Amino acid sequence: MIANEEIIKIIKDKKIFPPEYIKKVDSVLIKSLWILVIVKDNSPVSALSSQDISELAYKILDEDIRKNSISKAFSRAGKRVKNIGGGFYEIMGAGREEIKKLDQEFSSSKPKIQAAKNLRDLLQKMKNHNENSFLREAISCFEIEAYRATIIMSWLLTLDHLFDHILKNKINEFNNELIKQNLKIKKISSKDDFLEMKEERFIEICRAAGIITNDIKKILDEKLGIRNSCAHPNSIIVKEAKATNFVEDLIENIVLKY
């Protein structure tokens, strides 16, 4: 049998790296099964001891997994591994299938993982603590595929940001235009006052007052329509791409610019 250092060299030479789920999963058994599979498939070695797996886990996964934990996990592994005697274990069909299934699930989720990373990158640009926390919660909704919630929360964040921006920097412009409107409310003095008008009218006044450009108005109008669809029970299917675009468009073009 070749030494573990030779196995590690073979793995590195073949540029085999542990997938993200192996790094994140909190399971000694899954990590050990994965090591058994890659070693058997890529080297002359077909069986490993608990000590071997422990050493390989440290070198390949950068994890300190005790050999006793590995032996204990294998004792409950059923038909996924076979104890061939002498303290050595061999991967079986059921164990290989389990790793194959995890590989397939991870591969299908790669675009979603990248999308979530892109959204989380936006957090680095958000300096306002409250807005950052709110966006973080919206992204958490995205990561559990609650796309409607992601959209609704992102819309609320954007409106709240615009309310603050107007109160701090554009209140005179907004109020001057508000007087011209046939609305019950005639003056904005606090954030709650904005809630006295429909969102469509709020967007129109922002454009008429020169607070936003026509291009930004188009973005807000489009996103308001999507938000309205998401806020009510219906048969519309909201997919990951739509939620990603919704968040990125509002944050990049409005929250970070106003």
C-alpha atoms as a PDB file:
ATOM      1  CA  MET A   1       0.000   0.000   0.000  1.00  0.00           C
ATOM      2  CA  ILE A   2       1.271   3.455  -0.860  1.00  0.00           C
ATOM      3  CA  ALA A   3       1.797   6.058   1.837  1.00  0.00           C
ATOM      4  CA  ASN A   4      -0.728   8.796   2.560  1.00  0.00           C
ATOM      5  CA  GLU A   5       1.753  11.420   1.340  1.00  0.00           C
ATOM      6  CA  GLU A   6       1.746   9.743  -2.075  1.00  0.00           C
ATOM      7  CA  ILE A   7      -2.066   9.718  -2.101  1.00  0.00           C
ATOM      8  CA  ILE A   8      -2.117  13.424  -1.257  1.00  0.00           C
ATOM      9  CA  LYS A   9       0.335  14.135  -4.092  1.00  0.00           C
ATOM     10  CA  ILE A  10      -1.865  12.213  -6.533  1.00  0.00           C
ATOM     11  CA  ILE A  11      -4.962  14.152  -5.421  1.00  0.00           C
ATOM     12  CA  LYS A  12      -3.167  17.486  -5.732  1.00  0.00           C
ATOM     13  CA  ASP A  13      -1.616  16.607  -9.100  1.00  0.00           C
ATOM     14  CA  LYS A  14      -5.082  15.757 -10.425  1.00  0.00           C
ATOM     15  CA  LYS A  15      -6.355  19.070  -9.023  1.00  0.00           C
ATOM     16  CA  ILE A  16      -9.131  17.425  -7.024  1.00  0.00           C
ATOM     17  CA  PHE A  17     -10.622  19.860  -4.520  1.00  0.00           C
ATOM     18  CA  PRO A  18     -13.359  19.216  -1.955  1.00  0.00           C
ATOM     19  CA  PRO A  19     -16.721  20.685  -3.009  1.00  0.00           C
ATOM     20  CA  GLU A  20     -18.298  23.418  -0.886  1.00  0.00           C
ATOM     21  CA  TYR A  21     -20.803  21.050   0.735  1.00  0.00           C
ATOM     22  CA  ILE A  22     -17.999  18.866   2.080  1.00  0.00           C
ATOM     23  CA  LYS A  23     -16.440  21.871   3.775  1.00  0.00           C
ATOM     24  CA  LYS A  24     -19.742  22.990   5.253  1.00  0.00           C
ATOM     25  CA  VAL A  25     -21.452  19.724   6.167  1.00  0.00           C
ATOM     26  CA  ASP A  26     -21.237  18.834   9.841  1.00  0.00           C
ATOM     27  CA  SER A  27     -20.895  15.101   9.360  1.00  0.00           C
ATOM     28  CA  VAL A  28     -17.818  12.984   9.990  1.00  0.00           C
ATOM     29  CA  LEU A  29     -19.428  10.165   8.007  1.00  0.00           C
ATOM     30  CA  ILE A  30     -20.011  12.242   4.847  1.00  0.00           C
ATOM     31  CA  LYS A  31     -16.488  13.664   4.921  1.00  0.00           C
ATOM     32  CA  SER A  32     -15.048  10.173   5.444  1.00  0.00           C
ATOM     33  CA  LEU A  33     -17.148   8.653   2.660  1.00  0.00           C
ATOM     34  CA  TRP A  34     -16.003  11.411   0.296  1.00  0.00           C
ATOM     35  CA  ILE A  35     -12.349  10.681   1.104  1.00  0.00           C
ATOM     36  CA  LEU A  36     -12.867   6.946   0.524  1.00  0.00           C
ATOM     37  CA  VAL A  37     -14.467   7.661  -2.861  1.00  0.00           C
ATOM     38  CA  ILE A  38     -11.814  10.045  -4.207  1.00  0.00           C
ATOM     39  CA  VAL A  39      -8.966   7.848  -2.985  1.00  0.00           C
ATOM     40  CA  LYS A  40     -10.402   4.696  -4.547  1.00  0.00           C
ATOM     41  CA  ASP A  41     -11.236   6.467  -7.811  1.00  0.00           C
ATOM     42  CA  ASN A  42      -7.919   8.253  -8.194  1.00  0.00           C
ATOM     43  CA  SER A  43      -5.241   6.038  -6.662  1.00  0.00           C
ATOM     44  CA  PRO A  44      -4.257   2.375  -6.410  1.00  0.00           C
ATOM     45  CA  VAL A  45      -5.621   2.329  -2.850  1.00  0.00           C
ATOM     46  CA  SER A  46      -9.083   0.797  -2.328  1.00  0.00           C
ATOM     47  CA  ALA A  47      -9.290   0.732   1.473  1.00  0.00           C
ATOM     48  CA  LEU A  48      -8.238   3.055   4.268  1.00  0.00           C
ATOM     49  CA  SER A  49      -7.962   2.889   8.039  1.00  0.00           C
ATOM     50  CA  SER A  50      -9.491   5.418  10.389  1.00  0.00           C
ATOM     51  CA  GLN A  51      -5.992   6.795  10.957  1.00  0.00           C
ATOM     52  CA  ASP A  52      -5.467   7.157   7.197  1.00  0.00           C
ATOM     53  CA  ILE A  53      -8.737   9.035   6.791  1.00  0.00           C
ATOM     54  CA  SER A  54      -7.911  11.274   9.738  1.00  0.00           C
ATOM     55  CA  GLU A  55      -4.543  12.188   8.187  1.00  0.00           C
ATOM     56  CA  LEU A  56      -6.039  12.756   4.736  1.00  0.00           C
ATOM     57  CA  ALA A  57      -8.837  14.896   6.173  1.00  0.00           C
ATOM     58  CA  TYR A  58      -6.225  17.123   7.794  1.00  0.00           C
ATOM     59  CA  LYS A  59      -4.225  17.493   4.586  1.00  0.00           C
ATOM     60  CA  ILE A  60      -7.051  17.675   2.034  1.00  0.00           C
ATOM     61  CA  LEU A  61      -9.931  19.213   3.992  1.00  0.00           C
ATOM     62  CA  ASP A  62      -7.831  21.121   6.524  1.00  0.00           C
ATOM     63  CA  GLU A  63      -9.927  19.532   9.267  1.00  0.00           C
ATOM     64  CA  ASP A  64      -8.936  17.757  12.450  1.00  0.00           C
ATOM     65  CA  ILE A  65     -11.145  14.655  12.502  1.00  0.00           C
ATOM     66  CA  ARG A  66     -10.242  12.141  15.205  1.00  0.00           C
ATOM     67  CA  LYS A  67      -9.869   8.516  14.145  1.00  0.00           C
ATOM     68  CA  ASN A  68     -12.177   7.438  16.987  1.00  0.00           C
ATOM     69  CA  SER A  69     -14.925   9.666  15.540  1.00  0.00           C
ATOM     70  CA  ILE A  70     -14.424   8.069  12.128  1.00  0.00           C
ATOM     71  CA  SER A  71     -14.618   4.519  13.539  1.00  0.00           C
ATOM     72  CA  LYS A  72     -17.761   5.451  15.466  1.00  0.00           C
ATOM     73  CA  ALA A  73     -19.359   6.958  12.352  1.00  0.00           C
ATOM     74  CA  PHE A  74     -18.523   3.862  10.297  1.00  0.00           C
ATOM     75  CA  SER A  75     -20.031   1.585  12.956  1.00  0.00           C
ATOM     76  CA  ARG A  76     -23.388   3.242  12.168  1.00  0.00           C
ATOM     77  CA  ALA A  77     -22.859   3.502   8.412  1.00  0.00           C
ATOM     78  CA  GLY A  78     -24.690   0.294   7.513  1.00  0.00           C
ATOM     79  CA  LYS A  79     -24.065  -0.818   3.944  1.00  0.00           C
ATOM     80  CA  ARG A  80     -22.292   2.390   2.964  1.00  0.00           C
ATOM     81  CA  VAL A  81     -18.876   1.085   4.038  1.00  0.00           C
ATOM     82  CA  LYS A  82     -17.394  -2.348   4.596  1.00  0.00           C
ATOM     83  CA  ASN A  83     -14.960  -3.291   7.349  1.00  0.00           C
ATOM     84  CA  ILE A  84     -12.555  -5.596   5.500  1.00  0.00           C
ATOM     85  CA  GLY A  85     -10.579  -6.401   8.628  1.00  0.00           C
ATOM     86  CA  GLY A  86      -7.427  -5.102  10.196  1.00  0.00           C
ATOM     87  CA  GLY A  87      -9.113  -1.763  10.872  1.00  0.00           C
ATOM     88  CA  PHE A  88      -9.505  -0.973   7.161  1.00  0.00           C
ATOM     89  CA  TYR A  89     -12.664   0.237   5.435  1.00  0.00           C
ATOM     90  CA  GLU A  90     -13.820   0.158   1.843  1.00  0.00           C
ATOM     91  CA  ILE A  91     -16.507   2.285   0.188  1.00  0.00           C
ATOM     92  CA  MET A  92     -19.609   0.345  -0.888  1.00  0.00           C
ATOM     93  CA  GLY A  93     -22.246   1.066  -3.497  1.00  0.00           C
ATOM     94  CA  ALA A  94     -24.650   2.740  -1.061  1.00  0.00           C
ATOM     95  CA  GLY A  95     -21.908   5.048   0.202  1.00  0.00           C
ATOM     96  CA  ARG A  96     -20.841   5.955  -3.309  1.00  0.00           C
ATOM     97  CA  GLU A  97     -24.454   6.710  -4.264  1.00  0.00           C
ATOM     98  CA  GLU A  98     -24.830   9.004  -1.274  1.00  0.00           C
ATOM     99  CA  ILE A  99     -21.786  11.051  -2.321  1.00  0.00           C
ATOM    100  CA  LYS A 100     -22.952  11.049  -5.958  1.00  0.00           C
ATOM    101  CA  LYS A 101     -26.354  12.375  -4.906  1.00  0.00           C
ATOM    102  CA  LEU A 102     -24.757  15.163  -2.857  1.00  0.00           C
ATOM    103  CA  ASP A 103     -22.513  16.056  -5.816  1.00  0.00           C
ATOM    104  CA  GLN A 104     -25.551  16.317  -8.090  1.00  0.00           C
ATOM    105  CA  GLU A 105     -27.492  18.424  -5.595  1.00  0.00           C
ATOM    106  CA  PHE A 106     -24.533  20.757  -5.154  1.00  0.00           C
ATOM    107  CA  SER A 107     -23.999  21.086  -8.922  1.00  0.00           C
ATOM    108  CA  SER A 108     -27.644  22.028  -9.481  1.00  0.00           C
ATOM    109  CA  SER A 109     -27.462  24.615  -6.705  1.00  0.00           C
ATOM    110  CA  LYS A 110     -24.263  26.310  -7.930  1.00  0.00           C
ATOM    111  CA  PRO A 111     -26.072  29.115  -9.809  1.00  0.00           C
ATOM    112  CA  LYS A 112     -28.160  29.841  -6.716  1.00  0.00           C
ATOM    113  CA  ILE A 113     -25.070  29.849  -4.502  1.00  0.00           C
ATOM    114  CA  GLN A 114     -23.385  32.318  -6.858  1.00  0.00           C
ATOM    115  CA  ALA A 115     -26.504  34.500  -6.936  1.00  0.00           C
ATOM    116  CA  ALA A 116     -26.641  34.548  -3.141  1.00  0.00           C
ATOM    117  CA  LYS A 117     -22.943  35.457  -3.043  1.00  0.00           C
ATOM    118  CA  ASN A 118     -23.570  38.326  -5.465  1.00  0.00           C
ATOM    119  CA  LEU A 119     -26.346  39.611  -3.243  1.00  0.00           C
ATOM    120  CA  ARG A 120     -24.226  39.279  -0.122  1.00  0.00           C
ATOM    121  CA  ASP A 121     -21.478  41.263  -1.863  1.00  0.00           C
ATOM    122  CA  LEU A 122     -23.932  44.174  -1.835  1.00  0.00           C
ATOM    123  CA  LEU A 123     -23.819  44.136   1.965  1.00  0.00           C
ATOM    124  CA  GLN A 124     -20.210  45.323   1.831  1.00  0.00           C
ATOM    125  CA  LYS A 125     -21.400  48.473   0.071  1.00  0.00           C
ATOM    126  CA  MET A 126     -24.210  49.229   2.508  1.00  0.00           C
ATOM    127  CA  LYS A 127     -22.847  51.561   5.180  1.00  0.00           C
ATOM    128  CA  ASN A 128     -26.148  52.247   6.962  1.00  0.00           C
ATOM    129  CA  HIS A 129     -26.397  49.661   9.753  1.00  0.00           C
ATOM    130  CA  ASN A 130     -30.204  49.390   9.766  1.00  0.00           C
ATOM    131  CA  GLU A 131     -30.402  49.087   5.988  1.00  0.00           C
ATOM    132  CA  ASN A 132     -27.596  46.537   5.993  1.00  0.00           C
ATOM    133  CA  SER A 133     -29.444  44.408   8.569  1.00  0.00           C
ATOM    134  CA  PHE A 134     -32.686  44.649   6.599  1.00  0.00           C
ATOM    135  CA  LEU A 135     -30.978  43.627   3.347  1.00  0.00           C
ATOM    136  CA  ARG A 136     -29.241  40.766   5.163  1.00  0.00           C
ATOM    137  CA  GLU A 137     -32.652  39.469   6.251  1.00  0.00           C
ATOM    138  CA  ALA A 138     -33.974  39.798   2.682  1.00  0.00           C
ATOM    139  CA  ILE A 139     -31.009  37.767   1.410  1.00  0.00           C
ATOM    140  CA  SER A 140     -31.653  35.125   4.074  1.00  0.00           C
ATOM    141  CA  CYS A 141     -35.153  34.808   2.598  1.00  0.00           C
ATOM    142  CA  PHE A 142     -33.576  34.379  -0.845  1.00  0.00           C
ATOM    143  CA  GLU A 143     -31.335  31.585   0.401  1.00  0.00           C
ATOM    144  CA  ILE A 144     -34.319  29.542   1.597  1.00  0.00           C
ATOM    145  CA  GLU A 145     -36.117  30.235  -1.722  1.00  0.00           C
ATOM    146  CA  ALA A 146     -38.659  32.613  -0.169  1.00  0.00           C
ATOM    147  CA  TYR A 147     -38.364  34.805  -3.265  1.00  0.00           C
ATOM    148  CA  ARG A 148     -41.603  36.723  -2.735  1.00  0.00           C
ATOM    149  CA  ALA A 149     -40.447  37.739   0.744  1.00  0.00           C
ATOM    150  CA  THR A 150     -37.090  38.790  -0.717  1.00  0.00           C
ATOM    151  CA  ILE A 151     -38.827  41.051  -3.224  1.00  0.00           C
ATOM    152  CA  ILE A 152     -41.228  42.591  -0.716  1.00  0.00           C
ATOM    153  CA  MET A 153     -38.481  43.306   1.819  1.00  0.00           C
ATOM    154  CA  SER A 154     -36.188  44.805  -0.828  1.00  0.00           C
ATOM    155  CA  TRP A 155     -38.982  47.096  -1.992  1.00  0.00           C
ATOM    156  CA  LEU A 156     -39.680  48.272   1.565  1.00  0.00           C
ATOM    157  CA  LEU A 157     -35.973  48.903   2.087  1.00  0.00           C
ATOM    158  CA  THR A 158     -35.800  51.010  -1.091  1.00  0.00           C
ATOM    159  CA  LEU A 159     -38.840  53.097  -0.201  1.00  0.00           C
ATOM    160  CA  ASP A 160     -37.591  53.665   3.333  1.00  0.00           C
ATOM    161  CA  HIS A 161     -34.245  54.771   1.938  1.00  0.00           C
ATOM    162  CA  LEU A 162     -35.930  57.248  -0.409  1.00  0.00           C
ATOM    163  CA  PHE A 163     -38.062  58.582   2.440  1.00  0.00           C
ATOM    164  CA  ASP A 164     -34.903  59.273   4.467  1.00  0.00           C
ATOM    165  CA  HIS A 165     -33.154  60.819   1.475  1.00  0.00           C
ATOM    166  CA  ILE A 166     -36.028  63.201   0.809  1.00  0.00           C
ATOM    167  CA  LEU A 167     -36.423  64.212   4.459  1.00  0.00           C
ATOM    168  CA  LYS A 168     -32.722  64.986   4.741  1.00  0.00           C
ATOM    169  CA  ASN A 169     -31.996  66.489   1.335  1.00  0.00           C
ATOM    170  CA  LYS A 170     -35.062  67.139  -0.826  1.00  0.00           C
ATOM    171  CA  ILE A 171     -37.958  67.947   1.496  1.00  0.00           C
ATOM    172  CA  ASN A 172     -38.603  71.419   0.043  1.00  0.00           C
ATOM    173  CA  GLU A 173     -38.641  70.120  -3.530  1.00  0.00           C
ATOM    174  CA  PHE A 174     -40.998  67.313  -2.576  1.00  0.00           C
ATOM    175  CA  ASN A 175     -43.383  69.527  -0.598  1.00  0.00           C
ATOM    176  CA  ASN A 176     -43.462  72.161  -3.342  1.00  0.00           C
ATOM    177  CA  GLU A 177     -44.622  69.516  -5.801  1.00  0.00           C
ATOM    178  CA  LEU A 178     -46.968  67.901  -3.259  1.00  0.00           C
ATOM    179  CA  ILE A 179     -48.967  71.131  -2.961  1.00  0.00           C
ATOM    180  CA  LYS A 180     -49.841  70.868  -6.658  1.00  0.00           C
ATOM    181  CA  GLN A 181     -51.335  67.406  -6.189  1.00  0.00           C
ATOM    182  CA  ASN A 182     -54.975  66.810  -5.374  1.00  0.00           C
ATOM    183  CA  LEU A 183     -54.175  64.880  -2.196  1.00  0.00           C
ATOM    184  CA  LYS A 184     -55.458  65.009   1.333  1.00  0.00           C
ATOM    185  CA  ILE A 185     -51.961  65.409   2.710  1.00  0.00           C
ATOM    186  CA  LYS A 186     -50.379  68.762   1.807  1.00  0.00           C
ATOM    187  CA  LYS A 187     -47.016  68.586   3.570  1.00  0.00           C
ATOM    188  CA  ILE A 188     -44.467  65.977   4.594  1.00  0.00           C
ATOM    189  CA  SER A 189     -42.988  66.485   8.047  1.00  0.00           C
ATOM    190  CA  SER A 190     -42.056  62.944   9.064  1.00  0.00           C
ATOM    191  CA  LYS A 191     -41.484  59.531   7.500  1.00  0.00           C
ATOM    192  CA  ASP A 192     -44.962  58.365   8.491  1.00  0.00           C
ATOM    193  CA  ASP A 193     -46.489  61.135   6.367  1.00  0.00           C
ATOM    194  CA  PHE A 194     -45.302  59.399   3.195  1.00  0.00           C
ATOM    195  CA  LEU A 195     -47.613  56.502   4.019  1.00  0.00           C
ATOM    196  CA  GLU A 196     -50.614  58.782   3.476  1.00  0.00           C
ATOM    197  CA  MET A 197     -50.191  58.499  -0.289  1.00  0.00           C
ATOM    198  CA  LYS A 198     -50.123  55.589  -2.699  1.00  0.00           C
ATOM    199  CA  GLU A 199     -46.729  54.405  -3.823  1.00  0.00           C
ATOM    200  CA  GLU A 200     -47.521  55.174  -7.470  1.00  0.00           C
ATOM    201  CA  ARG A 201     -48.223  58.791  -6.552  1.00  0.00           C
ATOM    202  CA  PHE A 202     -45.082  58.989  -4.416  1.00  0.00           C
ATOM    203  CA  ILE A 203     -42.991  57.920  -7.409  1.00  0.00           C
ATOM    204  CA  GLU A 204     -44.748  60.423  -9.679  1.00  0.00           C
ATOM    205  CA  ILE A 205     -44.103  63.293  -7.250  1.00  0.00           C
ATOM    206  CA  CYS A 206     -40.441  62.306  -6.905  1.00  0.00           C
ATOM    207  CA  ARG A 207     -40.063  62.507 -10.684  1.00  0.00           C
ATOM    208  CA  ALA A 208     -42.039  65.758 -11.041  1.00  0.00           C
ATOM    209  CA  ALA A 209     -39.919  67.336  -8.288  1.00  0.00           C
ATOM    210  CA  GLY A 210     -36.719  66.314 -10.026  1.00  0.00           C
ATOM    211  CA  ILE A 211     -35.672  64.073  -7.144  1.00  0.00           C
ATOM    212  CA  ILE A 212     -35.300  61.047  -9.423  1.00  0.00           C
ATOM    213  CA  THR A 213     -34.596  60.756 -13.142  1.00  0.00           C
ATOM    214  CA  ASN A 214     -36.983  59.330 -15.690  1.00  0.00           C
ATOM    215  CA  ASP A 215     -34.863  56.171 -15.915  1.00  0.00           C
ATOM    216  CA  ILE A 216     -35.111  55.636 -12.154  1.00  0.00           C
ATOM    217  CA  LYS A 217     -38.870  56.209 -12.325  1.00  0.00           C
ATOM    218  CA  LYS A 218     -39.114  53.450 -14.933  1.00  0.00           C
ATOM    219  CA  ILE A 219     -37.199  51.097 -12.642  1.00  0.00           C
ATOM    220  CA  LEU A 220     -39.433  51.934  -9.685  1.00  0.00           C
ATOM    221  CA  ASP A 221     -42.620  51.569 -11.730  1.00  0.00           C
ATOM    222  CA  GLU A 222     -41.527  48.168 -12.994  1.00  0.00           C
ATOM    223  CA  LYS A 223     -40.452  46.948  -9.569  1.00  0.00           C
ATOM    224  CA  LEU A 224     -43.667  48.208  -7.963  1.00  0.00           C
ATOM    225  CA  GLY A 225     -45.652  46.058 -10.393  1.00  0.00           C
ATOM    226  CA  ILE A 226     -43.575  43.018  -9.480  1.00  0.00           C
ATOM    227  CA  ARG A 227     -43.900  43.786  -5.768  1.00  0.00           C
ATOM    228  CA  ASN A 228     -47.688  44.033  -6.130  1.00  0.00           C
ATOM    229  CA  SER A 229     -47.799  40.629  -7.813  1.00  0.00           C
ATOM    230  CA  CYS A 230     -45.720  39.106  -5.016  1.00  0.00           C
ATOM    231  CA  ALA A 231     -47.730  40.664  -2.215  1.00  0.00           C
ATOM    232  CA  HIS A 232     -50.988  38.856  -3.004  1.00  0.00           C
ATOM    233  CA  PRO A 233     -51.940  35.161  -3.255  1.00  0.00           C
ATOM    234  CA  ASN A 234     -51.898  34.162  -6.924  1.00  0.00           C
ATOM    235  CA  SER A 235     -50.554  31.553  -9.340  1.00  0.00           C
ATOM    236  CA  ILE A 236     -47.518  33.587 -10.409  1.00  0.00           C
ATOM    237  CA  ILE A 237     -44.250  31.687  -9.990  1.00  0.00           C
ATOM    238  CA  VAL A 238     -41.370  33.850  -8.824  1.00  0.00           C
ATOM    239  CA  LYS A 239     -38.016  32.376  -9.764  1.00  0.00           C
ATOM    240  CA  GLU A 240     -34.543  32.979  -8.439  1.00  0.00           C
ATOM    241  CA  ALA A 241     -33.431  35.101 -11.404  1.00  0.00           C
ATOM    242  CA  LYS A 242     -36.313  37.541 -10.982  1.00  0.00           C
ATOM    243  CA  ALA A 243     -35.620  37.963  -7.261  1.00  0.00           C
ATOM    244  CA  THR A 244     -31.896  38.449  -7.902  1.00  0.00           C
ATOM    245  CA  ASN A 245     -32.509  41.083 -10.575  1.00  0.00           C
ATOM    246  CA  PHE A 246     -35.069  42.832  -8.376  1.00  0.00           C
ATOM    247  CA  VAL A 247     -32.684  43.215  -5.440  1.00  0.00           C
ATOM    248  CA  GLU A 248     -29.615  44.144  -7.480  1.00  0.00           C
ATOM    249  CA  ASP A 249     -31.496  46.700  -9.573  1.00  0.00           C
ATOM    250  CA  LEU A 250     -32.951  48.533  -6.592  1.00  0.00           C
ATOM    251  CA  ILE A 251     -29.841  48.445  -4.423  1.00  0.00           C
ATOM    252  CA  GLU A 252     -27.321  49.342  -7.135  1.00  0.00           C
ATOM    253  CA  ASN A 253     -29.402  51.990  -8.900  1.00  0.00           C
ATOM    254  CA  ILE A 254     -31.278  53.594  -6.031  1.00  0.00           C
ATOM    255  CA  VAL A 255     -30.174  52.738  -2.497  1.00  0.00           C
ATOM    256  CA  LEU A 256     -26.472  53.153  -3.234  1.00  0.00           C
ATOM    257  CA  LYS A 257     -26.923  56.263  -5.400  1.00  0.00           C
ATOM    258  CA  TYR A 258     -29.342  58.403  -3.362  1.00  0.00           C
END
